[in-house]
Amino acid sequence: MQYYERKIKKSGYRLIAGVDEAGRGPLAGPVVAGAVILGKAIKGIDDSKRLSPDQRYRLFLKIVSTSIVGIGIIGEKVIDKINILNASLKAMERAVFSLRLAPDYLLIDGLSAPLIPYPMTKLVKGDQKSSSIAAASIVAKVVRDKIMAVFDRLYPQYGFCNHKGYPTRRHIISLTKYGPSPLHRCTFKPVRELNYG
């Protein structure tokens, strides 16, 4: 998980930020990106999807207390306006620019990257190959889950606390029964079909 970081540091870079997002697939809520410059090696860091909620949260606390962390959030209205890919890239950009120290180099999960003036490497499944990207995936996932837990209190009929806005069977049933909430992404097919038939 440190191969890319070590390789990049050998080229003279020091502040390497891993960047990843959470929330491209849900029907509701924002997309959230994390950018993390790890302060030290943290045991147990892995792709957030491979961790339990408790493991993610414990690692999140270690990451934010020992590393430089940036967060970018793009809401559902902007997602509907510019599409989810562009919204994800915009969230990544915000996360990088919110870091209190400017990074020297970016390691970005996936095939696409925001157009920002930093040298970078894009890694498919980067959250399984780079500890910096994995840390960013944990930060993004935990922050987004907390946002959806707040939304659950505002709109309890949808069960956001359980499925976090993803298109589970329960979510689709609730969506069909109650119609879209203000948090739903109206351009996503199951919501769009309810809105416009």
Protein backbone atom coordinates (compact mmCIF):
# COMPACT_ATOMS: atom_id res chain seq x y z
CA MET A 1 0.00 0.00 0.00
CA GLN A 2 3.06 2.30 0.14
CA TYR A 3 4.63 1.40 -3.23
CA TYR A 4 3.43 4.49 -5.09
CA GLU A 5 4.16 6.86 -2.22
CA ARG A 6 7.73 5.56 -1.92
CA LYS A 7 8.26 5.74 -5.68
CA ILE A 8 7.01 9.33 -5.87
CA LYS A 9 9.10 10.42 -2.88
CA LYS A 10 12.21 9.06 -4.62
CA SER A 11 11.48 11.61 -7.35
CA GLY A 12 11.73 14.42 -4.81
CA TYR A 13 8.11 14.99 -3.84
CA ARG A 14 7.26 15.20 -0.14
CA LEU A 15 3.62 16.14 0.42
CA ILE A 16 1.64 13.46 -1.40
CA ALA A 17 -2.14 13.68 -1.14
CA GLY A 18 -4.39 10.72 -1.81
CA VAL A 19 -7.78 11.71 -3.25
CA ASP A 20 -11.00 9.69 -3.44
CA GLU A 21 -14.75 10.20 -3.35
CA ALA A 22 -17.81 8.53 -1.88
CA GLY A 23 -21.37 8.71 -3.12
CA ARG A 24 -21.39 8.43 -6.90
CA GLY A 25 -24.01 5.67 -6.91
CA PRO A 26 -26.71 6.86 -4.46
CA LEU A 27 -30.05 8.29 -5.52
CA ALA A 28 -29.95 10.98 -2.83
CA GLY A 29 -27.55 13.24 -0.99
CA PRO A 30 -24.17 14.73 -1.88
CA VAL A 31 -20.99 13.31 -3.32
CA VAL A 32 -18.10 13.77 -0.87
CA ALA A 33 -14.39 13.72 -1.62
CA GLY A 34 -11.47 13.38 0.76
CA ALA A 35 -7.86 14.46 0.26
CA VAL A 36 -5.30 13.14 2.76
CA ILE A 37 -1.60 13.76 3.25
CA LEU A 38 -0.72 10.99 5.69
CA GLY A 39 1.36 12.09 8.64
CA LYS A 40 2.46 8.58 9.52
CA ALA A 41 1.70 4.97 8.68
CA ILE A 42 -1.59 3.87 10.21
CA LYS A 43 -2.11 0.17 10.75
CA GLY A 44 -5.26 -1.28 9.20
CA ILE A 45 -5.84 1.32 6.47
CA ASP A 46 -7.63 -0.26 3.52
CA ASP A 47 -10.25 0.47 0.90
CA SER A 48 -13.21 1.83 2.87
CA LYS A 49 -15.54 -0.70 1.20
CA ARG A 50 -13.55 -3.54 2.78
CA LEU A 51 -13.98 -2.17 6.30
CA SER A 52 -16.87 -2.35 8.75
CA PRO A 53 -18.45 0.95 9.89
CA ASP A 54 -16.70 0.62 13.27
CA GLN A 55 -13.32 -0.04 11.66
CA ARG A 56 -13.80 2.91 9.30
CA TYR A 57 -14.69 5.26 12.12
CA ARG A 58 -11.72 4.23 14.29
CA LEU A 59 -9.38 4.72 11.35
CA PHE A 60 -11.07 8.03 10.50
CA LEU A 61 -10.27 9.34 13.99
CA LYS A 62 -6.63 8.29 13.63
CA ILE A 63 -6.36 9.85 10.18
CA VAL A 64 -7.80 13.23 11.12
CA SER A 65 -5.68 13.43 14.29
CA THR A 66 -2.34 12.60 12.59
CA SER A 67 -2.69 13.76 8.98
CA ILE A 68 -3.56 16.77 6.83
CA VAL A 69 -7.15 16.32 5.65
CA GLY A 70 -9.31 18.16 3.15
CA ILE A 71 -12.98 17.57 2.36
CA GLY A 72 -15.08 18.59 -0.64
CA ILE A 73 -18.87 18.28 -0.79
CA ILE A 74 -21.14 18.76 -3.81
CA GLY A 75 -24.89 18.58 -3.24
CA GLU A 76 -27.62 16.88 -5.21
CA LYS A 77 -28.79 20.04 -7.00
CA VAL A 78 -25.35 20.59 -8.52
CA ILE A 79 -25.10 16.86 -9.32
CA ASP A 80 -28.33 17.17 -11.31
CA LYS A 81 -27.03 20.26 -13.07
CA ILE A 82 -23.51 19.13 -14.10
CA ASN A 83 -23.78 15.28 -13.83
CA ILE A 84 -22.25 12.94 -11.27
CA LEU A 85 -18.83 12.59 -12.91
CA ASN A 86 -18.28 16.35 -13.07
CA ALA A 87 -19.65 16.74 -9.55
CA SER A 88 -17.24 14.07 -8.27
CA LEU A 89 -14.30 15.86 -9.90
CA LYS A 90 -15.46 19.17 -8.45
CA ALA A 91 -15.66 17.60 -4.99
CA MET A 92 -12.10 16.28 -5.43
CA GLU A 93 -10.91 19.73 -6.46
CA ARG A 94 -12.52 21.29 -3.38
CA ALA A 95 -10.98 18.63 -1.14
CA VAL A 96 -7.48 19.30 -2.50
CA PHE A 97 -7.83 23.08 -2.24
CA SER A 98 -9.12 22.80 1.34
CA LEU A 99 -5.89 21.14 2.54
CA ARG A 100 -4.07 23.50 4.93
CA LEU A 101 -0.78 22.71 3.17
CA ALA A 102 -0.58 22.56 -0.61
CA PRO A 103 0.46 19.08 -1.77
CA ASP A 104 3.41 18.43 -4.09
CA TYR A 105 1.74 15.49 -5.81
CA LEU A 106 -1.67 13.82 -6.05
CA LEU A 107 -2.60 10.16 -6.13
CA ILE A 108 -6.17 9.99 -7.44
CA ASP A 109 -8.52 7.03 -7.46
CA GLY A 110 -9.99 6.16 -10.85
CA LEU A 111 -9.55 7.09 -14.50
CA SER A 112 -10.66 10.73 -14.24
CA ALA A 113 -9.07 13.62 -12.36
CA PRO A 114 -9.93 17.27 -11.76
CA LEU A 115 -8.14 19.84 -13.92
CA ILE A 116 -5.93 21.33 -11.22
CA PRO A 117 -2.27 22.39 -11.45
CA TYR A 118 -0.58 19.52 -9.61
CA PRO A 119 1.46 16.60 -10.88
CA MET A 120 -0.60 13.47 -10.36
CA THR A 121 -1.06 9.79 -10.97
CA LYS A 122 -4.49 8.24 -11.55
CA LEU A 123 -4.87 4.71 -10.20
CA VAL A 124 -7.77 2.41 -11.04
CA LYS A 125 -8.79 0.76 -7.75
CA GLY A 126 -6.31 3.09 -6.11
CA ASP A 127 -7.99 2.65 -2.73
CA GLN A 128 -6.66 -0.94 -2.82
CA LYS A 129 -3.16 0.06 -3.97
CA SER A 130 -2.27 3.25 -2.08
CA SER A 131 -2.55 3.96 1.63
CA SER A 132 -3.03 7.68 0.91
CA ILE A 133 -5.98 7.02 -1.41
CA ALA A 134 -7.39 4.44 1.03
CA ALA A 135 -7.21 7.05 3.81
CA ALA A 136 -9.04 9.53 1.56
CA SER A 137 -11.70 6.90 0.82
CA ILE A 138 -12.24 6.36 4.56
CA VAL A 139 -12.56 10.10 5.22
CA ALA A 140 -15.00 10.59 2.34
CA LYS A 141 -17.14 7.60 3.33
CA VAL A 142 -17.34 8.47 7.04
CA VAL A 143 -18.18 12.13 6.36
CA ARG A 144 -20.85 11.21 3.82
CA ASP A 145 -22.39 8.59 6.14
CA LYS A 146 -22.62 11.22 8.89
CA ILE A 147 -24.34 13.64 6.52
CA MET A 148 -26.85 10.96 5.54
CA ALA A 149 -27.50 10.18 9.23
CA VAL A 150 -28.48 13.84 9.72
CA PHE A 151 -30.73 13.66 6.65
CA ASP A 152 -32.33 10.54 8.12
CA ARG A 153 -33.60 12.63 11.03
CA LEU A 154 -35.07 15.16 8.60
CA TYR A 155 -36.67 12.56 6.32
CA PRO A 156 -37.04 9.39 8.41
CA GLN A 157 -39.49 7.75 5.99
CA TYR A 158 -36.70 6.96 3.51
CA GLY A 159 -34.33 5.10 5.85
CA PHE A 160 -31.24 7.09 4.82
CA CYS A 161 -29.41 5.99 7.98
CA ASN A 162 -29.49 2.38 6.76
CA HIS A 163 -28.82 2.60 3.02
CA LYS A 164 -27.18 6.06 2.84
CA GLY A 165 -29.18 6.87 -0.30
CA TYR A 166 -28.08 3.85 -2.34
CA PRO A 167 -30.79 2.16 -4.44
CA THR A 168 -31.64 -0.69 -2.07
CA ARG A 169 -35.00 -2.44 -2.24
CA ARG A 170 -36.19 -0.61 0.88
CA HIS A 171 -35.15 2.73 -0.58
CA ILE A 172 -36.97 2.08 -3.87
CA ILE A 173 -40.12 1.05 -1.97
CA SER A 174 -39.98 4.24 0.14
CA LEU A 175 -39.30 6.34 -2.92
CA THR A 176 -42.30 4.83 -4.71
CA LYS A 177 -44.53 5.31 -1.67
CA TYR A 178 -43.54 8.86 -0.66
CA GLY A 179 -42.09 10.29 -3.87
CA PRO A 180 -38.73 12.10 -4.06
CA SER A 181 -37.50 14.26 -1.19
CA PRO A 182 -35.57 17.52 -1.75
CA LEU A 183 -32.39 15.43 -1.29
CA HIS A 184 -33.04 13.09 -4.21
CA ARG A 185 -31.09 13.36 -7.45
CA CYS A 186 -33.80 14.03 -10.00
CA THR A 187 -31.67 13.06 -13.01
CA PHE A 188 -31.00 9.53 -11.69
CA LYS A 189 -33.26 7.02 -13.43
CA PRO A 190 -35.44 5.66 -10.55
CA VAL A 191 -36.09 9.22 -9.32
CA ARG A 192 -36.55 10.66 -12.80
CA GLU A 193 -39.13 8.02 -13.65
CA LEU A 194 -41.15 8.93 -10.56
CA ASN A 195 -40.94 12.64 -11.30
CA TYR A 196 -41.81 12.51 -14.96
CA GLY A 197 -43.32 9.11 -15.56
